[in-house]
Protein backbone atom coordinates (compact mmCIF):
# COMPACT_ATOMS: atom_id res chain seq x y z
CA MET A 1 -16.14 -1.38 17.45
CA SER A 2 -19.19 0.39 17.83
CA LYS A 3 -22.91 -1.29 17.77
CA PHE A 4 -26.57 0.51 17.27
CA ILE A 5 -28.65 -0.39 20.36
CA ILE A 6 -32.70 -0.15 19.25
CA GLU A 7 -35.61 0.19 20.94
CA GLY A 8 -38.41 -1.17 18.15
CA GLY A 9 -42.06 -0.09 18.12
CA HIS A 10 -41.64 3.41 17.77
CA PRO A 11 -43.00 5.00 14.32
CA LEU A 12 -41.17 7.29 12.38
CA ARG A 13 -42.74 10.47 12.00
CA GLY A 14 -41.09 14.10 11.06
CA THR A 15 -38.85 15.28 8.58
CA ILE A 16 -35.59 14.94 7.41
CA THR A 17 -33.42 16.13 4.18
CA ALA A 18 -31.72 13.71 1.81
CA SER A 19 -27.88 13.67 1.84
CA GLY A 20 -26.17 13.52 -1.27
CA ASN A 21 -25.87 11.09 -4.12
CA LYS A 22 -22.51 8.70 -2.37
CA ASN A 23 -21.98 7.22 -5.71
CA ALA A 24 -21.66 10.71 -7.71
CA ALA A 25 -19.13 12.06 -4.85
CA LEU A 26 -17.30 8.88 -4.93
CA LYS A 27 -16.30 9.51 -8.66
CA LEU A 28 -16.16 13.46 -8.58
CA ILE A 29 -13.50 13.48 -6.04
CA PRO A 30 -11.68 11.76 -8.03
CA ALA A 31 -12.41 13.68 -11.24
CA CYS A 32 -10.84 16.91 -9.85
CA ILE A 33 -7.79 15.11 -10.37
CA LEU A 34 -8.63 16.33 -14.53
CA THR A 35 -7.75 19.58 -13.86
CA ASP A 36 -5.21 21.68 -12.40
CA ALA A 37 -7.93 24.63 -11.37
CA PRO A 38 -9.81 24.70 -8.04
CA VAL A 39 -12.86 22.90 -8.35
CA ILE A 40 -15.47 23.30 -5.40
CA LEU A 41 -18.04 20.43 -5.04
CA HIS A 42 -21.64 20.86 -2.88
CA ASN A 43 -23.78 18.91 -1.04
CA ILE A 44 -21.10 16.01 -0.49
CA PRO A 45 -22.47 13.17 2.16
CA ASN A 46 -19.81 13.32 5.39
CA ILE A 47 -19.78 9.24 4.97
CA GLN A 48 -16.66 7.29 5.76
CA ASP A 49 -16.41 6.10 2.43
CA VAL A 50 -16.17 9.39 0.99
CA ARG A 51 -13.36 10.41 4.00
CA ASN A 52 -11.38 7.70 2.92
CA THR A 53 -11.64 9.00 -0.45
CA ILE A 54 -10.65 12.11 0.60
CA LEU A 55 -7.61 11.10 2.05
CA ILE A 56 -6.57 9.35 -1.19
CA LEU A 57 -6.38 12.65 -2.62
CA ARG A 58 -4.76 13.72 -0.16
CA ASP A 59 -1.80 11.79 0.38
CA LEU A 60 -1.80 11.92 -3.66
CA GLY A 61 -0.75 15.56 -3.44
CA ALA A 62 -3.82 17.76 -3.81
CA SER A 63 -4.72 20.88 -1.27
CA ILE A 64 -8.48 20.07 0.14
CA GLU A 65 -10.11 22.51 1.97
CA ASP A 66 -13.26 21.82 4.33
CA LEU A 67 -15.75 24.59 3.87
CA GLY A 68 -19.09 23.13 5.83
CA SER A 69 -22.01 21.80 5.36
CA GLY A 70 -21.01 19.30 2.52
CA SER A 71 -18.81 21.78 0.83
CA TRP A 72 -15.43 20.99 -0.66
CA ARG A 73 -12.93 23.16 -1.88
CA ILE A 74 -10.43 20.90 -3.99
CA HIS A 75 -7.26 21.80 -5.63
CA ALA A 76 -5.43 18.98 -7.44
CA GLN A 77 -2.60 21.22 -8.74
CA ASN A 78 0.33 19.75 -7.13
CA ILE A 79 -0.63 15.69 -8.10
CA ALA A 80 2.90 14.29 -6.48
CA LYS A 81 2.15 10.37 -6.74
CA THR A 82 1.61 7.77 -9.08
CA LYS A 83 0.73 5.09 -6.72
CA LEU A 84 -2.26 4.47 -4.29
CA ASP A 85 -1.52 4.38 -0.39
CA GLU A 86 -2.20 0.26 -0.34
CA ALA A 87 -3.67 1.29 2.97
CA LEU A 88 -6.30 4.08 2.05
CA ALA A 89 -6.99 1.99 -0.98
CA SER A 90 -8.21 -1.01 0.05
CA ARG A 91 -11.02 0.24 2.16
CA THR A 92 -13.09 1.25 -0.52
CA ARG A 93 -14.36 0.29 -4.13
CA ALA A 94 -14.48 3.76 -5.18
CA SER A 95 -10.69 3.58 -5.14
CA PHE A 96 -10.12 1.97 -8.30
CA VAL A 97 -11.89 4.72 -10.21
CA PHE A 98 -8.68 7.18 -9.29
CA SER A 99 -7.18 5.03 -12.27
CA GLY A 100 -8.98 6.91 -15.16
CA PRO A 101 -8.22 10.30 -13.96
CA MET A 102 -4.57 9.57 -13.12
CA LEU A 103 -4.31 7.83 -16.31
CA ALA A 104 -5.45 11.10 -17.95
CA ARG A 105 -3.13 13.29 -15.97
CA MET A 106 -0.16 11.85 -15.33
CA GLY A 107 0.01 8.78 -17.75
CA GLN A 108 0.27 6.14 -15.16
CA VAL A 109 -0.93 4.42 -11.93
CA THR A 110 -0.43 1.96 -9.27
CA LEU A 111 -3.39 0.64 -7.51
CA PRO A 112 -3.79 -2.01 -5.36
CA LEU A 113 -7.24 -4.40 -5.91
CA PRO A 114 -10.14 -1.86 -4.58
CA GLY A 115 -12.07 -3.17 -1.47
CA GLY A 116 -15.60 -2.66 -0.34
CA ASP A 117 -18.49 -4.77 0.33
CA VAL A 118 -18.29 -8.47 0.34
CA ILE A 119 -21.43 -9.21 -1.48
CA GLY A 120 -20.30 -11.17 -4.17
CA GLY A 121 -18.07 -11.77 -7.13
CA ARG A 122 -17.58 -7.72 -8.60
CA PRO A 123 -15.08 -8.59 -11.57
CA LEU A 124 -12.79 -5.79 -12.83
CA ASP A 125 -12.60 -7.22 -16.72
CA THR A 126 -14.85 -4.50 -18.09
CA HIS A 127 -12.54 -1.96 -16.58
CA MET A 128 -9.69 -3.16 -17.92
CA ARG A 129 -10.59 -4.00 -21.55
CA ALA A 130 -12.08 -0.41 -21.93
CA LEU A 131 -9.22 1.08 -20.80
CA GLU A 132 -6.58 -1.22 -23.20
CA ALA A 133 -9.42 0.80 -25.67
CA LEU A 134 -7.62 4.22 -24.87
CA GLY A 135 -4.15 3.06 -25.45
CA VAL A 136 -3.67 1.41 -21.62
CA GLN A 137 -1.14 -1.04 -20.89
CA ILE A 138 -1.86 -2.95 -18.16
CA THR A 139 0.67 -5.08 -15.83
CA THR A 140 -0.14 -7.07 -12.37
CA PRO A 141 3.45 -6.65 -11.08
CA GLU A 142 2.52 -8.38 -7.86
CA ARG A 143 -0.34 -10.10 -6.55
CA GLY A 144 -3.44 -8.02 -5.94
CA GLN A 145 -1.76 -4.69 -7.60
CA PHE A 146 -2.56 -3.14 -11.03
CA HIS A 147 0.28 -0.96 -13.14
CA MET A 148 -1.42 0.74 -15.88
CA ILE A 149 0.76 3.08 -18.02
CA ALA A 150 -0.89 5.42 -20.70
CA ASN A 151 1.20 4.95 -23.99
CA PRO A 152 -0.11 7.21 -24.56
CA LEU A 153 -3.97 8.15 -24.33
CA ARG A 154 -5.98 8.39 -27.38
CA GLY A 155 -9.41 8.39 -28.71
CA ALA A 156 -11.06 5.07 -29.28
CA GLY A 157 -13.07 5.22 -31.81
CA TYR A 158 -15.81 2.30 -30.72
CA ILE A 159 -15.95 1.01 -27.20
CA LEU A 160 -18.60 -1.52 -26.42
CA LEU A 161 -18.91 -2.57 -22.83
CA ALA A 162 -19.52 -6.05 -22.14
CA GLU A 163 -21.67 -5.14 -18.98
CA ALA A 164 -23.43 -1.49 -18.31
CA SER A 165 -20.81 -1.34 -15.31
CA VAL A 166 -20.99 2.25 -13.62
CA THR A 167 -17.69 2.35 -12.81
CA ALA A 168 -16.51 1.08 -16.02
CA THR A 169 -18.05 3.32 -17.70
CA GLU A 170 -17.29 6.33 -15.21
CA ASN A 171 -13.36 5.13 -15.26
CA THR A 172 -13.67 4.90 -19.37
CA ILE A 173 -15.31 8.84 -19.29
CA MET A 174 -13.08 10.45 -16.90
CA ALA A 175 -9.96 8.83 -18.98
CA ALA A 176 -11.51 9.65 -22.40
CA VAL A 177 -12.04 12.96 -21.60
CA LEU A 178 -8.68 14.10 -22.19
CA ALA A 179 -7.69 11.87 -24.99
CA PRO A 180 -7.00 13.30 -28.29
CA GLY A 181 -9.82 12.10 -30.60
CA GLU A 182 -13.24 10.62 -30.27
CA THR A 183 -14.31 7.57 -27.95
CA ILE A 184 -18.30 6.25 -28.47
CA ILE A 185 -18.78 4.22 -25.52
CA ASP A 186 -21.82 1.68 -25.59
CA ASN A 187 -23.84 -0.24 -23.48
CA ALA A 188 -23.09 3.00 -20.87
CA ALA A 189 -24.06 3.18 -17.44
CA SER A 190 -27.03 5.67 -17.05
CA GLU A 191 -27.48 6.38 -13.25
CA PRO A 192 -28.18 10.01 -11.62
CA HIS A 193 -24.80 9.74 -10.28
CA VAL A 194 -22.93 9.06 -14.02
CA ARG A 195 -24.99 11.44 -15.31
CA ASP A 196 -23.64 13.98 -12.49
CA LEU A 197 -19.97 12.90 -13.62
CA CYS A 198 -20.64 13.64 -17.06
CA ASN A 199 -22.71 17.22 -16.63
CA PHE A 200 -19.87 18.00 -14.05
CA LEU A 201 -17.17 17.15 -16.66
CA ASN A 202 -18.70 19.45 -18.88
CA LEU A 203 -18.82 22.35 -16.74
CA LEU A 204 -14.89 21.86 -16.27
CA GLY A 205 -14.92 22.14 -20.42
CA ALA A 206 -15.38 18.47 -21.58
CA LYS A 207 -17.39 17.39 -24.39
CA ILE A 208 -19.88 14.82 -23.69
CA GLU A 209 -23.01 13.93 -25.54
CA GLY A 210 -25.35 11.42 -24.09
CA ALA A 211 -25.59 12.17 -20.84
CA GLY A 212 -27.81 10.02 -19.03
CA THR A 213 -28.28 7.37 -22.23
CA ASN A 214 -26.50 4.23 -22.87
CA ARG A 215 -24.89 5.83 -25.65
CA LEU A 216 -21.87 8.35 -24.90
CA LYS A 217 -19.75 10.53 -27.58
CA ILE A 218 -17.44 12.18 -26.13
CA GLN A 219 -14.39 14.16 -27.92
CA GLY A 220 -10.99 14.21 -25.85
CA VAL A 221 -9.72 18.35 -25.03
CA GLU A 222 -6.66 19.97 -24.37
CA ARG A 223 -7.37 20.75 -21.11
CA LEU A 224 -10.19 20.54 -18.07
CA SER A 225 -10.80 24.40 -16.21
CA GLY A 226 -12.36 24.82 -12.57
CA GLY A 227 -15.64 24.89 -11.52
CA GLU A 228 -18.35 24.49 -8.75
CA PHE A 229 -21.17 21.65 -8.60
CA ARG A 230 -23.76 20.11 -6.57
CA ILE A 231 -24.85 16.68 -6.52
CA GLY A 232 -28.29 15.58 -7.03
CA ALA A 233 -29.45 13.13 -3.47
CA ASP A 234 -28.96 9.55 -2.64
CA PHE A 235 -31.89 7.77 -4.55
CA MET A 236 -30.01 4.59 -2.17
CA GLU A 237 -30.88 6.50 1.00
CA VAL A 238 -33.99 8.13 -0.16
CA GLY A 239 -35.15 4.26 -0.94
CA SER A 240 -34.33 3.43 2.77
CA PHE A 241 -35.80 6.04 4.21
CA ILE A 242 -39.33 5.60 2.56
CA GLY A 243 -38.72 1.78 3.75
CA ALA A 244 -38.36 2.55 7.59
CA ALA A 245 -41.28 4.94 7.49
CA ALA A 246 -43.52 1.90 5.59
CA VAL A 247 -42.32 -1.05 8.18
CA THR A 248 -42.66 1.46 11.30
CA GLY A 249 -46.13 2.69 10.33
CA GLY A 250 -44.62 6.06 10.67
CA GLU A 251 -45.75 9.45 8.04
CA VAL A 252 -42.28 10.97 7.27
CA ARG A 253 -41.10 13.84 4.64
CA ILE A 254 -37.94 13.54 2.78
CA LYS A 255 -37.17 17.27 1.75
CA ASP A 256 -34.49 17.61 -1.82
CA ALA A 257 -35.40 14.14 -2.67
CA ASP A 258 -35.31 14.33 -6.49
CA PRO A 259 -38.62 12.64 -6.98
CA HIS A 260 -37.97 12.28 -10.87
CA ASN A 261 -34.97 9.66 -10.12
CA MET A 262 -37.33 7.48 -8.41
CA GLY A 263 -39.54 5.95 -11.08
CA MET A 264 -38.99 2.41 -11.12
CA ILE A 265 -38.06 2.32 -7.08
CA ARG A 266 -42.04 3.82 -7.19
CA LEU A 267 -43.11 1.07 -9.00
CA VAL A 268 -41.77 -1.52 -7.16
CA TYR A 269 -42.38 -0.22 -4.17
CA GLU A 270 -46.52 -0.20 -5.45
CA LYS A 271 -45.69 -4.16 -5.57
CA LEU A 272 -44.81 -4.49 -1.90
CA GLY A 273 -47.10 -1.90 -1.15
CA VAL A 274 -45.76 0.83 -0.26
CA VAL A 275 -46.60 4.44 -1.81
CA TRP A 276 -45.76 8.00 -1.21
CA GLU A 277 -46.72 11.52 -2.39
CA VAL A 278 -44.56 14.08 -3.94
CA ASP A 279 -44.54 17.77 -3.44
CA GLY A 280 -42.35 19.91 -5.75
CA ASN A 281 -38.88 17.87 -4.51
CA ASP A 282 -39.85 16.46 -1.55
CA ILE A 283 -41.24 12.87 -0.62
CA ILE A 284 -44.23 12.06 1.48
CA VAL A 285 -44.46 8.79 2.94
CA PRO A 286 -48.21 8.86 4.51
CA ALA A 287 -48.94 6.64 8.04
CA ASP A 288 -51.54 4.70 6.02
CA GLN A 289 -49.95 1.97 3.49
CA PRO A 290 -51.51 -0.82 2.09
CA MET A 291 -48.73 -3.23 3.10
CA ARG A 292 -50.21 -5.77 0.68
CA ILE A 293 -48.16 -7.66 -1.91
CA GLN A 294 -49.48 -7.41 -4.75
CA GLY A 295 -49.99 -11.19 -6.78
CA ALA A 296 -48.66 -11.55 -10.56
CA LEU A 297 -51.25 -12.84 -13.97
CA GLY A 298 -52.36 -16.29 -13.62
CA GLY A 299 -52.04 -16.40 -9.61
CA ARG A 300 -48.15 -15.91 -9.69
CA ILE A 301 -46.00 -15.62 -6.77
CA LEU A 302 -44.78 -11.95 -7.66
CA GLU A 303 -40.68 -11.74 -8.58
CA ILE A 304 -38.64 -8.48 -7.96
CA LYS A 305 -35.42 -8.89 -9.08
CA PRO A 306 -32.53 -5.60 -10.14
CA MET A 307 -31.70 -4.37 -13.81
CA PRO A 308 -29.60 -1.82 -14.88
CA TRP A 309 -30.92 2.00 -14.97
CA PRO A 310 -33.57 2.37 -15.15
CA GLY A 311 -34.48 -0.62 -13.36
CA PHE A 312 -35.17 -1.66 -10.07
CA PRO A 313 -31.28 -0.86 -8.03
CA PRO A 314 -29.85 -3.87 -6.69
CA ASP A 315 -28.82 -1.81 -3.69
CA LEU A 316 -32.01 -1.23 -2.46
CA MET A 317 -32.93 -5.37 -2.65
CA SER A 318 -32.02 -5.70 0.89
CA ILE A 319 -33.89 -2.95 1.94
CA ALA A 320 -37.39 -4.70 -0.28
CA VAL A 321 -36.44 -7.78 2.12
CA VAL A 322 -37.47 -6.32 5.07
CA MET A 323 -40.05 -4.33 3.14
CA ALA A 324 -41.77 -7.79 1.83
CA THR A 325 -41.72 -9.29 5.90
CA GLN A 326 -44.01 -6.42 7.18
CA ALA A 327 -46.27 -6.55 3.68
CA GLN A 328 -49.26 -8.82 3.14
CA GLY A 329 -48.70 -11.63 0.77
CA SER A 330 -45.82 -14.02 -0.89
CA ILE A 331 -42.72 -12.84 -2.96
CA LEU A 332 -39.47 -14.11 -4.68
CA LEU A 333 -36.91 -11.90 -4.75
CA HIS A 334 -34.21 -12.80 -7.06
CA ASP A 335 -30.53 -10.83 -7.24
CA TRP A 336 -28.76 -12.49 -10.44
CA MET A 337 -26.01 -10.21 -9.68
CA TYR A 338 -24.40 -11.18 -6.67
CA GLU A 339 -24.46 -14.60 -5.20
CA SER A 340 -23.90 -13.13 -1.25
CA ARG A 341 -26.78 -10.17 -1.08
CA PHE A 342 -28.96 -12.60 0.80
CA PHE A 343 -26.46 -14.31 3.33
CA PHE A 344 -28.23 -11.80 5.74
CA THR A 345 -31.15 -13.01 6.19
CA ASP A 346 -30.90 -16.11 8.68
CA ASN A 347 -30.99 -13.09 11.12
CA LEU A 348 -34.39 -11.78 10.31
CA VAL A 349 -35.17 -15.37 10.41
CA PHE A 350 -33.72 -15.58 13.82
CA MET A 351 -36.36 -12.18 14.46
CA GLY A 352 -39.03 -14.11 13.75
CA ALA A 353 -39.33 -13.63 9.44
CA ARG A 354 -40.14 -16.58 7.34
CA ILE A 355 -37.94 -16.35 4.38
CA VAL A 356 -36.69 -19.28 2.82
CA LEU A 357 -33.06 -18.63 1.11
CA CYS A 358 -33.83 -21.20 -1.98
CA ASP A 359 -29.80 -20.43 -3.09
CA PRO A 360 -27.33 -17.88 -3.17
CA HIS A 361 -29.52 -15.25 -5.47
CA ARG A 362 -32.82 -15.42 -4.45
CA VAL A 363 -35.25 -15.56 -1.43
CA LEU A 364 -38.85 -16.28 -0.62
CA ILE A 365 -40.59 -14.28 1.38
CA GLU A 366 -44.34 -14.67 3.11
CA GLY A 367 -45.52 -11.78 5.16
CA GLN A 368 -46.72 -10.64 7.45
CA SER A 369 -44.44 -11.43 10.22
CA ASN A 370 -43.88 -10.17 13.73
CA LEU A 371 -40.51 -9.67 14.33
CA PHE A 372 -38.80 -9.73 17.87
CA GLY A 373 -35.69 -8.02 18.96
CA SER A 374 -32.00 -10.13 18.71
CA PRO A 375 -30.64 -7.86 22.18
CA HIS A 376 -27.81 -10.70 21.94
CA GLY A 377 -26.49 -8.85 18.53
CA VAL A 378 -26.83 -9.25 14.66
CA PRO A 379 -24.14 -8.59 12.30
CA SER A 380 -23.73 -6.03 9.72
CA PRO A 381 -22.37 -7.50 7.04
CA ASP A 382 -22.85 -4.81 4.17
CA ILE A 383 -24.06 -0.99 3.68
CA ARG A 384 -27.16 -2.07 2.47
CA ALA A 385 -27.81 -5.40 4.60
CA GLY A 386 -26.66 -2.90 8.07
CA MET A 387 -29.07 -0.57 7.12
CA ALA A 388 -31.54 -3.18 6.44
CA MET A 389 -31.13 -4.84 10.14
CA ILE A 390 -31.69 -1.27 11.38
CA LEU A 391 -34.81 -1.55 9.39
CA ALA A 392 -35.98 -4.76 11.35
CA GLY A 393 -34.84 -3.15 14.41
CA LEU A 394 -37.33 -0.49 14.22
CA CYS A 395 -40.23 -2.49 13.67
CA ALA A 396 -39.22 -5.17 15.98
CA GLU A 397 -40.70 -6.03 19.51
CA GLY A 398 -37.77 -5.42 21.90
CA GLU A 399 -34.32 -4.31 21.63
CA THR A 400 -31.99 -4.80 19.02
CA VAL A 401 -28.52 -4.61 19.06
CA ILE A 402 -26.76 -4.36 15.81
CA HIS A 403 -22.21 -4.80 15.64
CA ASN A 404 -20.43 -3.96 12.87
CA ILE A 405 -21.86 -0.48 12.41
CA GLN A 406 -19.03 0.86 10.81
CA GLN A 407 -20.19 -0.90 7.20
CA VAL A 408 -22.96 1.70 7.87
CA ASP A 409 -21.23 4.81 8.32
CA ARG A 410 -19.68 3.62 5.29
CA GLY A 411 -22.88 4.64 3.13
CA TYR A 412 -25.41 6.40 5.24
CA GLU A 413 -24.88 9.98 7.03
CA ARG A 414 -24.95 10.26 10.68
CA ILE A 415 -27.97 7.65 10.30
CA GLU A 416 -29.08 7.91 13.76
CA HIS A 417 -29.25 11.25 14.14
CA LYS A 418 -31.41 11.27 11.45
CA LEU A 419 -33.66 8.53 12.77
CA ARG A 420 -33.89 9.89 16.12
CA ALA A 421 -34.84 13.13 14.55
CA LEU A 422 -38.00 11.29 13.67
CA GLY A 423 -38.66 9.47 16.58
CA ALA A 424 -36.95 6.39 16.67
CA VAL A 425 -34.72 5.11 20.50
CA ILE A 426 -31.55 4.13 18.64
CA GLU A 427 -28.15 4.81 20.16
CA ARG A 428 -24.60 4.40 19.11
CA ALA A 429 -22.22 2.09 21.85
CA GLU A 430 -18.84 1.35 21.74
């Protein structure tokens, strides 16, 4: 097992380039199954979850070539299997998104329960109901295994998703683009990566209207062609580096950051006393940050909670926790979506943060706290909590050791190299 060793107290300064959107890459790669023509994808991040997804697709029979610099050529002409490798699929939650394209292309698929972060219950009911509306029969021949048969796929007419689930929306889109007839998806997720998926499929010949809204209209087509597509910036990574610059008192330029996708993140970060400037497609985080939590009307303690897009992303709640420990004032963070999101905050309390875990969904934070390093080590329980602990180590006094960093590798590309380029003192060790 690898670990990070961080010497805190060094302001980050310099320029980095944003990586491609992890959640877009993990959906566009399986979407290549929908065509038997070659596809080239650009700006794919070199992270563990992407590598696992590529292994799953290659195991199914696709020809995949690394063109370098984040570009991949994928040719899914010869899909030879309808059962996902259980060991590979269990490594990433994105494995479940293979069900939509496999049903559309092969008419059936067998796959295990997906892996991914342990941040709370993440039910698959919305996926199942939407696929059933498209004509899919779902059985569970073994515990933890799903067998799906399209009998056959057909346009569903109208689907109202029980929740604006990103992956359920994407799965339904990929199944519907080749289903004869019309499918309208209401209460659809509208995140930038969902928009990237719709734009990519339209480039290949799909007929999807309403990309970027919560109502999608899909007219099934007979086949899709090949094409070339570049995914956008990972706004989770961008938000994380903004937080890292702020808590260390540094000044950082993030190139190719797609600031047009950062609207609600900007509003929430301003409430934490963190601001930035926009220069073209770059974001500049200045050194002189207010770092003061805004008060709510009537003198109430400010509350921040995630919401479906265009609301504040739940995956940045862990980063916001560490930012709040370094800002003056009190704040309540409330993640109503995931009941295990804040369990990592015990490690921050050990480092000197003033945090009360009110219940599994809420933490009360009193800043500004002087954090102290943890040389004996703290864990990285999931991708975002792991990155949050890195932020804590960067701004803490002394040395911090972070274990289980393969979790961070699943979502952040060459994170220690990017941080070292900004002046951080961070090493990877076995």
